[in-house]
């Protein structure tokens, strides 16, 4: 039975939150647009709210440092972690997909990549046409290392191209996001969330949506199967993100600390994320 008294426990239930992945979400959504540095105590407090204990946080942070995603420093008796410069490109790309304007595809890239395995191709959201040949919507992306890329126009039946991706897992992921987070709109409308819960709800929303979106090749409408839920999930994400943000920002300013004290409620970078995308 669902817990009606704790909306955050309700949202987090069965998400199987990985500590390192959730810390990446916190940095991407809260910390990076506010200077990129967070006190470890704040990180521990935020993670504790979704059941990730201090030991798991410290272990995950150590692994993120080893992976050159975070970089630590001490000021007095406190430890702080900032986004490592080597991780900036990946964080910026994810932020562009989550908060930015969609870039319409202009035809397709057909890629001959002898050095690319099918598994790595899937990680790069490429459709595998067979052998060393892959395909993706053409949004001006750079070719994979050692690959030859050709441009192709839309075929008469673009829907046939969907066969080169496994869209069933993505569809299920988007449907789960809608089922999990659509009821949250009622709580937001009734102002039933505290500022702290609004921030945690926003972080869980970003975390769940990012997990699916970053695996989505974002096929053009004509190539998508009937009943595709990605658009509805996107609309829900944008509505909830915008409506949760005022309260979430109050909590950020009140309780989240960087190396110079409290993080600001807003910055130019955080405000840019609130602009309605043009699709």
C-alpha atoms as a PDB file:
ATOM      1  CA  UNK A   1       0.000   0.000   0.000  1.00  0.00           C
ATOM      2  CA  UNK A   2       1.308   3.462  -0.904  1.00  0.00           C
ATOM      3  CA  UNK A   3       2.374   5.809   1.855  1.00  0.00           C
ATOM      4  CA  UNK A   4      -0.027   8.785   1.745  1.00  0.00           C
ATOM      5  CA  UNK A   5       1.817  10.754   4.409  1.00  0.00           C
ATOM      6  CA  UNK A   6       5.239  11.005   2.791  1.00  0.00           C
ATOM      7  CA  UNK A   7       5.123  12.120  -0.856  1.00  0.00           C
ATOM      8  CA  UNK A   8       8.876  11.707  -1.333  1.00  0.00           C
ATOM      9  CA  UNK A   9       8.920   8.119  -0.089  1.00  0.00           C
ATOM     10  CA  UNK A  10       5.966   7.510  -2.386  1.00  0.00           C
ATOM     11  CA  UNK A  11       7.786   8.916  -5.412  1.00  0.00           C
ATOM     12  CA  UNK A  12      11.065   7.138  -4.625  1.00  0.00           C
ATOM     13  CA  UNK A  13       9.521   3.734  -3.975  1.00  0.00           C
ATOM     14  CA  UNK A  14      10.862   1.035  -6.336  1.00  0.00           C
ATOM     15  CA  UNK A  15      13.117   3.498  -8.192  1.00  0.00           C
ATOM     16  CA  UNK A  16      16.202   1.495  -7.072  1.00  0.00           C
ATOM     17  CA  UNK A  17      18.229   4.654  -6.661  1.00  0.00           C
ATOM     18  CA  UNK A  18      21.950   4.275  -7.265  1.00  0.00           C
ATOM     19  CA  UNK A  19      23.929   6.632  -5.020  1.00  0.00           C
ATOM     20  CA  UNK A  20      26.423   7.776  -7.662  1.00  0.00           C
ATOM     21  CA  UNK A  21      23.721   8.318 -10.274  1.00  0.00           C
ATOM     22  CA  UNK A  22      21.566  10.311  -7.856  1.00  0.00           C
ATOM     23  CA  UNK A  23      24.555  12.470  -6.878  1.00  0.00           C
ATOM     24  CA  UNK A  24      25.098  13.177 -10.580  1.00  0.00           C
ATOM     25  CA  UNK A  25      21.453  14.294 -10.737  1.00  0.00           C
ATOM     26  CA  UNK A  26      21.949  16.645  -7.767  1.00  0.00           C
ATOM     27  CA  UNK A  27      25.020  18.212  -9.347  1.00  0.00           C
ATOM     28  CA  UNK A  28      23.415  18.509 -12.767  1.00  0.00           C
ATOM     29  CA  UNK A  29      20.145  20.026 -11.569  1.00  0.00           C
ATOM     30  CA  UNK A  30      21.136  22.093  -8.514  1.00  0.00           C
ATOM     31  CA  UNK A  31      24.879  22.601  -8.263  1.00  0.00           C
ATOM     32  CA  UNK A  32      26.279  23.138 -11.759  1.00  0.00           C
ATOM     33  CA  UNK A  33      24.099  26.175 -12.573  1.00  0.00           C
ATOM     34  CA  UNK A  34      25.092  27.682  -9.190  1.00  0.00           C
ATOM     35  CA  UNK A  35      28.867  27.553  -9.474  1.00  0.00           C
ATOM     36  CA  UNK A  36      29.485  23.810  -9.423  1.00  0.00           C
ATOM     37  CA  UNK A  37      30.576  23.388  -5.758  1.00  0.00           C
ATOM     38  CA  UNK A  38      28.631  21.725  -2.918  1.00  0.00           C
ATOM     39  CA  UNK A  39      29.425  21.063   0.751  1.00  0.00           C
ATOM     40  CA  UNK A  40      29.465  17.361   1.571  1.00  0.00           C
ATOM     41  CA  UNK A  41      27.033  17.922   4.453  1.00  0.00           C
ATOM     42  CA  UNK A  42      24.388  19.230   2.060  1.00  0.00           C
ATOM     43  CA  UNK A  43      24.934  16.277  -0.250  1.00  0.00           C
ATOM     44  CA  UNK A  44      24.521  13.838   2.637  1.00  0.00           C
ATOM     45  CA  UNK A  45      21.305  15.556   3.779  1.00  0.00           C
ATOM     46  CA  UNK A  46      19.749  15.502   0.295  1.00  0.00           C
ATOM     47  CA  UNK A  47      20.604  11.845  -0.267  1.00  0.00           C
ATOM     48  CA  UNK A  48      19.333  10.821   3.177  1.00  0.00           C
ATOM     49  CA  UNK A  49      15.873  12.082   2.236  1.00  0.00           C
ATOM     50  CA  UNK A  50      15.601   9.316  -0.383  1.00  0.00           C
ATOM     51  CA  UNK A  51      17.175   6.590   1.764  1.00  0.00           C
ATOM     52  CA  UNK A  52      20.813   6.832   0.650  1.00  0.00           C
ATOM     53  CA  UNK A  53      22.905   6.797   3.839  1.00  0.00           C
ATOM     54  CA  UNK A  54      26.124   8.698   4.565  1.00  0.00           C
ATOM     55  CA  UNK A  55      28.358   5.683   4.014  1.00  0.00           C
ATOM     56  CA  UNK A  56      26.909   5.107   0.540  1.00  0.00           C
ATOM     57  CA  UNK A  57      27.286   8.814  -0.280  1.00  0.00           C
ATOM     58  CA  UNK A  58      30.955   8.871   0.687  1.00  0.00           C
ATOM     59  CA  UNK A  59      31.684   5.684  -1.255  1.00  0.00           C
ATOM     60  CA  UNK A  60      29.861   7.024  -4.328  1.00  0.00           C
ATOM     61  CA  UNK A  61      31.679  10.368  -4.133  1.00  0.00           C
ATOM     62  CA  UNK A  62      35.031   8.574  -3.997  1.00  0.00           C
ATOM     63  CA  UNK A  63      34.102   6.641  -7.120  1.00  0.00           C
ATOM     64  CA  UNK A  64      32.990   9.800  -8.914  1.00  0.00           C
ATOM     65  CA  UNK A  65      36.314  11.421  -8.023  1.00  0.00           C
ATOM     66  CA  UNK A  66      38.178   8.380  -9.366  1.00  0.00           C
ATOM     67  CA  UNK A  67      36.084   8.610 -12.539  1.00  0.00           C
ATOM     68  CA  UNK A  68      37.052  12.306 -12.853  1.00  0.00           C
ATOM     69  CA  UNK A  69      33.498  13.546 -12.575  1.00  0.00           C
ATOM     70  CA  UNK A  70      34.028  15.316  -9.243  1.00  0.00           C
ATOM     71  CA  UNK A  71      37.027  16.989  -7.632  1.00  0.00           C
ATOM     72  CA  UNK A  72      37.366  17.452  -3.876  1.00  0.00           C
ATOM     73  CA  UNK A  73      38.849  20.199  -1.729  1.00  0.00           C
ATOM     74  CA  UNK A  74      38.943  21.045   1.971  1.00  0.00           C
ATOM     75  CA  UNK A  75      38.286  24.455   3.467  1.00  0.00           C
ATOM     76  CA  UNK A  76      38.903  24.363   7.210  1.00  0.00           C
ATOM     77  CA  UNK A  77      37.175  21.272   8.572  1.00  0.00           C
ATOM     78  CA  UNK A  78      34.708  20.997   5.731  1.00  0.00           C
ATOM     79  CA  UNK A  79      34.947  19.028   2.483  1.00  0.00           C
ATOM     80  CA  UNK A  80      33.541  20.364  -0.767  1.00  0.00           C
ATOM     81  CA  UNK A  81      33.223  18.768  -4.177  1.00  0.00           C
ATOM     82  CA  UNK A  82      33.081  20.534  -7.519  1.00  0.00           C
ATOM     83  CA  UNK A  83      32.350  19.285 -11.005  1.00  0.00           C
ATOM     84  CA  UNK A  84      35.596  18.192 -12.641  1.00  0.00           C
ATOM     85  CA  UNK A  85      36.415  20.115 -15.807  1.00  0.00           C
ATOM     86  CA  UNK A  86      36.690  16.840 -17.740  1.00  0.00           C
ATOM     87  CA  UNK A  87      33.018  16.071 -16.999  1.00  0.00           C
ATOM     88  CA  UNK A  88      31.650  19.438 -18.140  1.00  0.00           C
ATOM     89  CA  UNK A  89      30.865  18.391 -21.728  1.00  0.00           C
ATOM     90  CA  UNK A  90      28.765  15.405 -20.630  1.00  0.00           C
ATOM     91  CA  UNK A  91      26.884  17.491 -18.052  1.00  0.00           C
ATOM     92  CA  UNK A  92      26.252  20.266 -20.594  1.00  0.00           C
ATOM     93  CA  UNK A  93      24.948  17.774 -23.154  1.00  0.00           C
ATOM     94  CA  UNK A  94      22.548  16.226 -20.633  1.00  0.00           C
ATOM     95  CA  UNK A  95      21.369  19.687 -19.539  1.00  0.00           C
ATOM     96  CA  UNK A  96      20.726  20.653 -23.153  1.00  0.00           C
ATOM     97  CA  UNK A  97      18.503  17.618 -23.655  1.00  0.00           C
ATOM     98  CA  UNK A  98      16.636  18.052 -20.362  1.00  0.00           C
ATOM     99  CA  UNK A  99      16.064  21.793 -20.288  1.00  0.00           C
ATOM    100  CA  UNK A 100      16.863  23.154 -23.724  1.00  0.00           C
ATOM    101  CA  UNK A 101      15.089  23.539 -27.002  1.00  0.00           C
ATOM    102  CA  UNK A 102      14.690  20.463 -29.127  1.00  0.00           C
ATOM    103  CA  UNK A 103      16.809  20.411 -32.292  1.00  0.00           C
ATOM    104  CA  UNK A 104      14.712  19.036 -35.178  1.00  0.00           C
ATOM    105  CA  UNK A 105      16.373  16.301 -37.222  1.00  0.00           C
ATOM    106  CA  UNK A 106      17.230  17.055 -40.831  1.00  0.00           C
ATOM    107  CA  UNK A 107      17.341  13.655 -42.445  1.00  0.00           C
ATOM    108  CA  UNK A 108      19.566  10.840 -41.201  1.00  0.00           C
ATOM    109  CA  UNK A 109      23.194   9.987 -40.633  1.00  0.00           C
ATOM    110  CA  UNK A 110      24.234   6.602 -42.012  1.00  0.00           C
ATOM    111  CA  UNK A 111      27.494   5.728 -40.266  1.00  0.00           C
ATOM    112  CA  UNK A 112      30.120   3.178 -41.229  1.00  0.00           C
ATOM    113  CA  UNK A 113      32.072   2.577 -38.021  1.00  0.00           C
ATOM    114  CA  UNK A 114      34.298  -0.536 -38.104  1.00  0.00           C
ATOM    115  CA  UNK A 115      35.705   0.231 -34.644  1.00  0.00           C
ATOM    116  CA  UNK A 116      32.304   0.605 -32.972  1.00  0.00           C
ATOM    117  CA  UNK A 117      30.707  -2.402 -31.279  1.00  0.00           C
ATOM    118  CA  UNK A 118      26.908  -2.807 -31.339  1.00  0.00           C
ATOM    119  CA  UNK A 119      26.893  -2.337 -27.537  1.00  0.00           C
ATOM    120  CA  UNK A 120      28.771   0.958 -27.732  1.00  0.00           C
ATOM    121  CA  UNK A 121      26.548   2.008 -30.621  1.00  0.00           C
ATOM    122  CA  UNK A 122      23.491   1.489 -28.432  1.00  0.00           C
ATOM    123  CA  UNK A 123      25.110   3.560 -25.671  1.00  0.00           C
ATOM    124  CA  UNK A 124      25.470   6.345 -28.231  1.00  0.00           C
ATOM    125  CA  UNK A 125      21.771   5.949 -29.199  1.00  0.00           C
ATOM    126  CA  UNK A 126      22.625   4.649 -32.675  1.00  0.00           C
ATOM    127  CA  UNK A 127      20.412   2.224 -34.540  1.00  0.00           C
ATOM    128  CA  UNK A 128      22.325  -0.875 -35.675  1.00  0.00           C
ATOM    129  CA  UNK A 129      21.610  -1.675 -39.330  1.00  0.00           C
ATOM    130  CA  UNK A 130      23.987  -4.648 -39.394  1.00  0.00           C
ATOM    131  CA  UNK A 131      27.728  -5.240 -39.523  1.00  0.00           C
ATOM    132  CA  UNK A 132      29.563  -1.930 -39.067  1.00  0.00           C
ATOM    133  CA  UNK A 133      26.677   0.233 -40.273  1.00  0.00           C
ATOM    134  CA  UNK A 134      24.619   2.395 -37.901  1.00  0.00           C
ATOM    135  CA  UNK A 135      21.980   5.102 -38.287  1.00  0.00           C
ATOM    136  CA  UNK A 136      20.627   8.049 -36.303  1.00  0.00           C
ATOM    137  CA  UNK A 137      18.582  11.211 -36.892  1.00  0.00           C
ATOM    138  CA  UNK A 138      20.865  13.917 -38.271  1.00  0.00           C
ATOM    139  CA  UNK A 139      21.145  16.813 -35.835  1.00  0.00           C
ATOM    140  CA  UNK A 140      24.631  17.787 -36.910  1.00  0.00           C
ATOM    141  CA  UNK A 141      26.410  15.437 -34.491  1.00  0.00           C
ATOM    142  CA  UNK A 142      30.095  14.757 -34.987  1.00  0.00           C
ATOM    143  CA  UNK A 143      30.969  11.352 -36.403  1.00  0.00           C
ATOM    144  CA  UNK A 144      32.174   8.664 -33.983  1.00  0.00           C
ATOM    145  CA  UNK A 145      35.920   8.172 -33.902  1.00  0.00           C
ATOM    146  CA  UNK A 146      37.200   6.447 -37.050  1.00  0.00           C
ATOM    147  CA  UNK A 147      33.774   6.494 -38.735  1.00  0.00           C
ATOM    148  CA  UNK A 148      32.537   7.609 -42.139  1.00  0.00           C
ATOM    149  CA  UNK A 149      29.192   9.435 -42.079  1.00  0.00           C
ATOM    150  CA  UNK A 150      26.829   9.886 -45.005  1.00  0.00           C
ATOM    151  CA  UNK A 151      23.709  12.074 -45.023  1.00  0.00           C
ATOM    152  CA  UNK A 152      20.402  10.563 -46.164  1.00  0.00           C
ATOM    153  CA  UNK A 153      17.045  12.236 -46.703  1.00  0.00           C
ATOM    154  CA  UNK A 154      13.830  10.858 -45.240  1.00  0.00           C
ATOM    155  CA  UNK A 155      12.595   7.731 -47.018  1.00  0.00           C
ATOM    156  CA  UNK A 156       9.004   7.481 -48.233  1.00  0.00           C
ATOM    157  CA  UNK A 157       8.156   5.451 -45.100  1.00  0.00           C
ATOM    158  CA  UNK A 158      10.289   6.716 -42.188  1.00  0.00           C
ATOM    159  CA  UNK A 159       8.362   4.473 -39.775  1.00  0.00           C
ATOM    160  CA  UNK A 160      10.331   1.529 -41.129  1.00  0.00           C
ATOM    161  CA  UNK A 161      13.514   2.934 -39.636  1.00  0.00           C
ATOM    162  CA  UNK A 162      12.263   2.420 -36.075  1.00  0.00           C
ATOM    163  CA  UNK A 163      13.134  -1.291 -36.392  1.00  0.00           C
ATOM    164  CA  UNK A 164      16.807  -0.466 -35.844  1.00  0.00           C
ATOM    165  CA  UNK A 165      16.159   0.537 -32.218  1.00  0.00           C
ATOM    166  CA  UNK A 166      14.556  -1.320 -29.332  1.00  0.00           C
ATOM    167  CA  UNK A 167      11.914   1.273 -28.469  1.00  0.00           C
ATOM    168  CA  UNK A 168       9.874  -1.014 -26.209  1.00  0.00           C
ATOM    169  CA  UNK A 169      12.023  -0.380 -23.112  1.00  0.00           C
ATOM    170  CA  UNK A 170      11.897   3.379 -23.738  1.00  0.00           C
ATOM    171  CA  UNK A 171       8.121   3.286 -24.143  1.00  0.00           C
ATOM    172  CA  UNK A 172       7.803   1.381 -20.861  1.00  0.00           C
ATOM    173  CA  UNK A 173      10.111   3.885 -19.173  1.00  0.00           C
ATOM    174  CA  UNK A 174       8.069   6.858 -20.332  1.00  0.00           C
ATOM    175  CA  UNK A 175       4.823   5.177 -19.268  1.00  0.00           C
ATOM    176  CA  UNK A 176       6.309   4.542 -15.804  1.00  0.00           C
ATOM    177  CA  UNK A 177       7.301   8.214 -15.484  1.00  0.00           C
ATOM    178  CA  UNK A 178       3.761   9.294 -16.331  1.00  0.00           C
ATOM    179  CA  UNK A 179       2.223   6.813 -13.887  1.00  0.00           C
ATOM    180  CA  UNK A 180       4.611   7.771 -11.082  1.00  0.00           C
ATOM    181  CA  UNK A 181       4.646  11.560 -11.442  1.00  0.00           C
ATOM    182  CA  UNK A 182       1.257  12.533 -12.904  1.00  0.00           C
ATOM    183  CA  UNK A 183      -0.417  12.331  -9.443  1.00  0.00           C
ATOM    184  CA  UNK A 184       2.187  14.817  -8.201  1.00  0.00           C
ATOM    185  CA  UNK A 185       0.430  17.574 -10.152  1.00  0.00           C
ATOM    186  CA  UNK A 186      -2.446  17.440  -7.664  1.00  0.00           C
ATOM    187  CA  UNK A 187      -0.087  17.947  -4.725  1.00  0.00           C
ATOM    188  CA  UNK A 188       1.581  20.878  -6.455  1.00  0.00           C
ATOM    189  CA  UNK A 189      -1.763  22.448  -7.329  1.00  0.00           C
ATOM    190  CA  UNK A 190      -2.922  22.099  -3.717  1.00  0.00           C
ATOM    191  CA  UNK A 191       0.414  23.438  -2.444  1.00  0.00           C
ATOM    192  CA  UNK A 192       0.656  20.305  -0.318  1.00  0.00           C
ATOM    193  CA  UNK A 193       4.457  20.063  -0.577  1.00  0.00           C
ATOM    194  CA  UNK A 194       6.945  21.761   1.707  1.00  0.00           C
ATOM    195  CA  UNK A 195       9.849  23.621   0.116  1.00  0.00           C
ATOM    196  CA  UNK A 196      12.158  20.722   1.015  1.00  0.00           C
ATOM    197  CA  UNK A 197       9.783  18.186  -0.527  1.00  0.00           C
ATOM    198  CA  UNK A 198       9.413  20.315  -3.666  1.00  0.00           C
ATOM    199  CA  UNK A 199      13.175  20.163  -4.215  1.00  0.00           C
ATOM    200  CA  UNK A 200      13.307  16.420  -3.595  1.00  0.00           C
ATOM    201  CA  UNK A 201      10.334  15.836  -5.898  1.00  0.00           C
ATOM    202  CA  UNK A 202      12.066  17.861  -8.614  1.00  0.00           C
ATOM    203  CA  UNK A 203      15.291  15.886  -8.175  1.00  0.00           C
ATOM    204  CA  UNK A 204      13.447  12.568  -8.420  1.00  0.00           C
ATOM    205  CA  UNK A 205      11.587  13.815 -11.497  1.00  0.00           C
ATOM    206  CA  UNK A 206      14.832  14.838 -13.190  1.00  0.00           C
ATOM    207  CA  UNK A 207      16.525  11.590 -12.152  1.00  0.00           C
ATOM    208  CA  UNK A 208      13.797   9.340 -13.545  1.00  0.00           C
ATOM    209  CA  UNK A 209      13.284  11.332 -16.734  1.00  0.00           C
ATOM    210  CA  UNK A 210      17.025  11.677 -17.413  1.00  0.00           C
ATOM    211  CA  UNK A 211      17.460   7.903 -17.117  1.00  0.00           C
ATOM    212  CA  UNK A 212      15.075   7.360 -20.040  1.00  0.00           C
ATOM    213  CA  UNK A 213      15.769  10.485 -22.101  1.00  0.00           C
ATOM    214  CA  UNK A 214      19.519   9.893 -22.346  1.00  0.00           C
ATOM    215  CA  UNK A 215      18.823   6.499 -23.969  1.00  0.00           C
ATOM    216  CA  UNK A 216      16.256   7.892 -26.424  1.00  0.00           C
ATOM    217  CA  UNK A 217      17.419   8.453 -30.041  1.00  0.00           C
ATOM    218  CA  UNK A 218      14.631  11.085 -30.319  1.00  0.00           C
ATOM    219  CA  UNK A 219      13.318   9.840 -33.639  1.00  0.00           C
ATOM    220  CA  UNK A 220      11.261  12.303 -35.695  1.00  0.00           C
ATOM    221  CA  UNK A 221       7.503  11.995 -35.367  1.00  0.00           C
ATOM    222  CA  UNK A 222       7.076  10.209 -38.706  1.00  0.00           C
ATOM    223  CA  UNK A 223       9.411   7.411 -37.585  1.00  0.00           C
ATOM    224  CA  UNK A 224       7.806   6.808 -34.180  1.00  0.00           C
ATOM    225  CA  UNK A 225       5.362   3.967 -33.498  1.00  0.00           C
ATOM    226  CA  UNK A 226       1.690   4.804 -32.814  1.00  0.00           C
ATOM    227  CA  UNK A 227       0.913   5.699 -29.203  1.00  0.00           C
ATOM    228  CA  UNK A 228       4.441   6.885 -28.407  1.00  0.00           C
ATOM    229  CA  UNK A 229       4.502   8.190 -24.814  1.00  0.00           C
ATOM    230  CA  UNK A 230       7.686  10.222 -25.038  1.00  0.00           C
ATOM    231  CA  UNK A 231       5.863  13.447 -25.923  1.00  0.00           C
ATOM    232  CA  UNK A 232       3.412  13.140 -23.024  1.00  0.00           C
ATOM    233  CA  UNK A 233       6.295  12.409 -20.642  1.00  0.00           C
ATOM    234  CA  UNK A 234       8.149  15.465 -21.938  1.00  0.00           C
ATOM    235  CA  UNK A 235       5.104  17.693 -21.427  1.00  0.00           C
ATOM    236  CA  UNK A 236       4.618  16.350 -17.896  1.00  0.00           C
ATOM    237  CA  UNK A 237       8.291  16.874 -17.084  1.00  0.00           C
ATOM    238  CA  UNK A 238       8.199  20.496 -18.223  1.00  0.00           C
ATOM    239  CA  UNK A 239       4.955  21.308 -16.385  1.00  0.00           C
ATOM    240  CA  UNK A 240       6.101  19.780 -13.114  1.00  0.00           C
ATOM    241  CA  UNK A 241       9.613  21.199 -13.318  1.00  0.00           C
ATOM    242  CA  UNK A 242       8.292  24.722 -13.790  1.00  0.00           C
ATOM    243  CA  UNK A 243       5.703  24.407 -11.021  1.00  0.00           C
ATOM    244  CA  UNK A 244       8.050  22.795  -8.485  1.00  0.00           C
ATOM    245  CA  UNK A 245      10.846  25.279  -9.050  1.00  0.00           C
ATOM    246  CA  UNK A 246       9.739  28.306  -6.959  1.00  0.00           C
ATOM    247  CA  UNK A 247       9.504  26.244  -3.764  1.00  0.00           C
ATOM    248  CA  UNK A 248      12.578  24.183  -4.670  1.00  0.00           C
ATOM    249  CA  UNK A 249      14.616  27.355  -5.128  1.00  0.00           C
ATOM    250  CA  UNK A 250      13.560  28.644  -1.714  1.00  0.00           C
ATOM    251  CA  UNK A 251      14.922  25.468  -0.142  1.00  0.00           C
ATOM    252  CA  UNK A 252      18.153  25.650  -2.148  1.00  0.00           C
ATOM    253  CA  UNK A 253      18.783  29.182  -0.859  1.00  0.00           C
ATOM    254  CA  UNK A 254      17.865  28.221   2.720  1.00  0.00           C
ATOM    255  CA  UNK A 255      19.648  24.874   3.144  1.00  0.00           C
ATOM    256  CA  UNK A 256      22.162  24.145   0.357  1.00  0.00           C
ATOM    257  CA  UNK A 257      25.739  25.329   0.862  1.00  0.00           C
ATOM    258  CA  UNK A 258      28.723  25.829  -1.415  1.00  0.00           C
ATOM    259  CA  UNK A 259      32.221  27.084  -0.644  1.00  0.00           C
ATOM    260  CA  UNK A 260      31.001  30.693  -0.261  1.00  0.00           C
ATOM    261  CA  UNK A 261      27.985  29.898   1.902  1.00  0.00           C
ATOM    262  CA  UNK A 262      24.365  29.424   0.865  1.00  0.00           C
ATOM    263  CA  UNK A 263      23.754  28.712  -2.796  1.00  0.00           C
ATOM    264  CA  UNK A 264      21.686  31.367  -4.579  1.00  0.00           C
ATOM    265  CA  UNK A 265      18.037  30.647  -5.259  1.00  0.00           C
ATOM    266  CA  UNK A 266      18.543  31.581  -8.901  1.00  0.00           C
ATOM    267  CA  UNK A 267      21.337  32.351 -11.334  1.00  0.00           C
ATOM    268  CA  UNK A 268      21.286  33.248 -15.005  1.00  0.00           C
ATOM    269  CA  UNK A 269      22.023  29.596 -15.804  1.00  0.00           C
ATOM    270  CA  UNK A 270      19.178  28.288 -13.623  1.00  0.00           C
ATOM    271  CA  UNK A 271      16.714  30.833 -15.044  1.00  0.00           C
ATOM    272  CA  UNK A 272      17.581  29.756 -18.580  1.00  0.00           C
ATOM    273  CA  UNK A 273      16.290  26.291 -17.720  1.00  0.00           C
ATOM    274  CA  UNK A 274      12.824  27.708 -17.052  1.00  0.00           C
ATOM    275  CA  UNK A 275      12.341  29.018 -20.570  1.00  0.00           C
ATOM    276  CA  UNK A 276       9.661  27.135 -22.443  1.00  0.00           C
ATOM    277  CA  UNK A 277      11.313  25.135 -25.235  1.00  0.00           C
ATOM    278  CA  UNK A 278      10.242  25.701 -28.823  1.00  0.00           C
ATOM    279  CA  UNK A 279       9.661  22.358 -30.490  1.00  0.00           C
END
